[in-house]
Amino acid sequence: MKINIVIVLLVLFVSCKGTSQEKEIVTENKVEQKKEFVVQKTNAEWKKELTDAQYYVLREAATENPFTSELLKNNKKGTYVCAACATPLFKSYTKFDSGTGWPSFYEEIEGNVAYDVDYKIGYKRTEEHCATCGGHLGHVFEDGPEPTGLRHCINGVALNFVPAE
C-alpha cells in the first residue's frame, strides 16, 4: 500500500509542469550556431579582468547563490551595466523585488540583451546574455509584473551599477 502511494506521488510530482517558460520568447525555433560578439577575448584575458565569481557566472554560465548580491537591495537611480564590458543592460526604474534572491527587472535596454534557450537543468529556459560580449546574465521568465509581464532574473555579480548624475 505504501509503495502504491509513493508511486502515485512520484507520478504526480513528475507530471507537474510550470508554464512560465512556454510562451513565445522561449518557444521560437532557433538554429544552434556560434555567436560572434563585438567584444571577444580569450579565457585567459577574461580571467585577468574579472573576479573569480564574475568569471564563473559570466563566462561559464554559473548561478550565484540567492540573496548574496550587494545589488539586490539597491534602490538608487541609475543604470545596471555588464560587469565584463560595461554595456548598459537595465535601467533602475525597471527593477523590482521578485522575492527570488536575485536582482530582477521587468524590462531590458532593447538591443543590449540577447537570448538563447538552454536545457541545463532538464527543461527549457530562456537564458539571457550580454549582446556585446556574450556574458551570461541569468534567465528571463514570463511571470513578472506589468507592463511587460517579464522577470529578468539576473546574477548580481554579472552587473555593475552606475548611479545617475
Protein backbone atom coordinates (compact mmCIF):
# COMPACT_ATOMS: atom_id res chain seq x y z
CA MET A 1 0.00 0.00 0.00
CA LYS A 2 2.78 2.40 0.93
CA ILE A 3 4.59 1.65 -2.33
CA ASN A 4 1.44 2.48 -4.32
CA ILE A 5 1.14 5.83 -2.55
CA VAL A 6 4.80 6.62 -3.21
CA ILE A 7 4.42 5.72 -6.89
CA VAL A 8 1.30 7.88 -7.24
CA LEU A 9 3.07 10.81 -5.56
CA LEU A 10 6.10 10.43 -7.81
CA VAL A 11 3.92 10.36 -10.93
CA LEU A 12 2.08 13.48 -9.75
CA PHE A 13 5.34 15.24 -8.93
CA VAL A 14 6.90 14.42 -12.30
CA SER A 15 3.78 15.46 -14.18
CA CYS A 16 3.70 18.90 -12.57
CA LYS A 17 4.92 21.40 -15.09
CA GLY A 18 5.44 25.16 -14.81
CA THR A 19 4.19 27.39 -17.59
CA SER A 20 6.48 30.38 -17.15
CA GLN A 21 8.69 29.12 -19.98
CA GLU A 22 6.10 28.10 -22.56
CA LYS A 23 5.36 31.42 -24.16
CA GLU A 24 6.73 32.77 -27.41
CA ILE A 25 10.04 34.14 -26.10
CA VAL A 26 11.24 30.58 -25.41
CA THR A 27 9.29 28.57 -27.98
CA GLU A 28 10.75 30.25 -31.04
CA ASN A 29 12.76 27.74 -33.04
CA LYS A 30 16.37 28.76 -33.25
CA VAL A 31 19.22 27.18 -35.14
CA GLU A 32 22.24 26.50 -32.94
CA GLN A 33 25.21 28.42 -34.24
CA LYS A 34 28.39 30.02 -32.96
CA LYS A 35 27.69 33.60 -31.98
CA GLU A 36 30.05 36.42 -32.83
CA PHE A 37 30.21 39.29 -30.34
CA VAL A 38 31.70 42.78 -30.67
CA VAL A 39 33.90 42.20 -27.61
CA GLN A 40 35.82 38.93 -27.89
CA LYS A 41 38.60 37.83 -25.57
CA THR A 42 40.34 34.61 -24.68
CA ASN A 43 39.51 32.84 -21.44
CA ALA A 44 42.91 33.92 -20.09
CA GLU A 45 42.10 37.57 -20.85
CA TRP A 46 38.68 37.30 -19.17
CA LYS A 47 40.26 35.65 -16.11
CA LYS A 48 42.69 38.57 -15.76
CA GLU A 49 39.92 41.17 -15.93
CA LEU A 50 37.14 39.53 -13.91
CA THR A 51 36.93 38.33 -10.33
CA ASP A 52 36.63 34.58 -9.85
CA ALA A 53 32.88 34.93 -9.16
CA GLN A 54 32.34 37.15 -12.21
CA TYR A 55 34.25 34.76 -14.46
CA TYR A 56 32.34 31.76 -13.14
CA VAL A 57 28.95 33.39 -13.85
CA LEU A 58 29.68 35.47 -16.96
CA ARG A 59 31.93 33.06 -18.85
CA GLU A 60 30.87 29.64 -17.51
CA ALA A 61 27.12 30.35 -17.17
CA ALA A 62 27.03 29.62 -13.45
CA THR A 63 24.48 30.97 -10.99
CA GLU A 64 25.42 32.88 -7.86
CA ASN A 65 23.81 31.91 -4.57
CA PRO A 66 20.49 33.67 -3.92
CA PHE A 67 20.37 36.66 -1.56
CA THR A 68 24.15 37.24 -1.81
CA SER A 69 24.28 40.13 -4.27
CA GLU A 70 25.03 43.60 -2.96
CA LEU A 71 22.79 44.92 -5.75
CA LEU A 72 19.71 43.03 -4.52
CA LYS A 73 18.57 45.85 -2.20
CA ASN A 74 19.99 48.72 -4.27
CA ASN A 75 17.22 51.28 -4.80
CA LYS A 76 19.30 54.13 -6.23
CA LYS A 77 18.60 55.69 -9.63
CA GLY A 78 20.97 54.73 -12.39
CA THR A 79 21.87 52.03 -14.88
CA TYR A 80 22.96 48.42 -14.45
CA VAL A 81 25.76 47.56 -16.87
CA CYS A 82 27.55 44.36 -17.84
CA ALA A 83 30.39 43.69 -15.37
CA ALA A 84 32.56 42.39 -18.23
CA CYS A 85 32.18 45.09 -20.90
CA ALA A 86 30.10 47.93 -19.35
CA THR A 87 27.24 47.64 -21.86
CA PRO A 88 24.10 49.24 -20.34
CA LEU A 89 21.58 46.44 -19.71
CA PHE A 90 18.82 47.60 -17.33
CA LYS A 91 17.52 50.93 -16.02
CA SER A 92 16.94 51.17 -12.27
CA TYR A 93 13.29 52.15 -12.69
CA THR A 94 12.59 48.68 -14.15
CA LYS A 95 14.00 46.89 -11.08
CA PHE A 96 11.59 45.21 -8.68
CA ASP A 97 11.71 42.87 -5.68
CA SER A 98 10.73 39.46 -7.02
CA GLY A 99 11.50 37.67 -3.76
CA THR A 100 13.70 35.19 -5.63
CA GLY A 101 17.04 36.34 -4.20
CA TRP A 102 18.42 37.79 -7.43
CA PRO A 103 18.11 41.32 -8.85
CA SER A 104 15.04 41.31 -11.09
CA PHE A 105 13.91 43.68 -13.82
CA TYR A 106 10.75 43.84 -15.90
CA GLU A 107 12.46 45.29 -18.99
CA GLU A 108 15.91 45.26 -20.57
CA ILE A 109 17.54 48.04 -22.58
CA GLU A 110 16.48 47.00 -26.05
CA GLY A 111 19.22 45.56 -28.23
CA ASN A 112 21.72 45.12 -25.39
CA VAL A 113 20.47 41.78 -24.06
CA ALA A 114 20.43 38.64 -26.22
CA TYR A 115 18.56 35.38 -25.65
CA ASP A 116 19.15 31.65 -26.09
CA VAL A 117 17.30 28.55 -24.99
CA ASP A 118 19.07 26.29 -22.53
CA TYR A 119 18.20 22.85 -21.17
CA LYS A 120 20.92 22.68 -18.49
CA ILE A 121 18.55 21.64 -15.71
CA GLY A 122 16.43 19.29 -17.76
CA TYR A 123 13.79 21.64 -19.13
CA LYS A 124 13.62 24.61 -21.46
CA ARG A 125 14.58 28.04 -20.09
CA THR A 126 15.36 31.33 -21.79
CA GLU A 127 18.93 32.31 -21.00
CA GLU A 128 19.99 35.96 -21.16
CA HIS A 129 23.43 37.19 -22.06
CA CYS A 130 25.10 40.48 -22.88
CA ALA A 131 24.66 41.19 -26.59
CA THR A 132 28.09 42.87 -26.72
CA CYS A 133 30.40 40.32 -25.05
CA GLY A 134 28.18 37.23 -24.67
CA GLY A 135 28.50 37.13 -20.88
CA HIS A 136 25.84 35.01 -19.13
CA LEU A 137 23.47 37.21 -17.12
CA GLY A 138 20.67 34.93 -15.95
CA HIS A 139 17.26 33.91 -17.26
CA VAL A 140 14.01 35.60 -18.21
CA PHE A 141 10.64 34.23 -17.11
CA GLU A 142 7.15 35.24 -18.11
CA ASP A 143 5.79 35.66 -14.59
CA GLY A 144 6.81 39.27 -13.91
CA PRO A 145 4.84 42.46 -13.27
CA GLU A 146 3.18 44.80 -15.71
CA PRO A 147 3.80 46.44 -18.09
CA THR A 148 5.81 43.61 -19.71
CA GLY A 149 4.91 40.55 -17.64
CA LEU A 150 8.59 39.56 -17.71
CA ARG A 151 11.01 38.81 -14.86
CA HIS A 152 14.63 39.15 -15.88
CA CYS A 153 16.27 37.19 -13.06
CA ILE A 154 19.90 38.36 -13.18
CA ASN A 155 23.03 37.33 -11.30
CA GLY A 156 24.14 40.43 -9.39
CA VAL A 157 27.81 39.55 -9.90
CA ALA A 158 27.25 39.91 -13.66
CA LEU A 159 26.28 43.56 -13.18
CA ASN A 160 27.86 46.82 -12.12
CA PHE A 161 25.73 49.77 -11.06
CA VAL A 162 26.34 53.23 -12.48
CA PRO A 163 24.48 55.89 -10.44
CA ALA A 164 22.57 58.61 -12.25
CA GLU A 165 24.24 62.01 -12.17
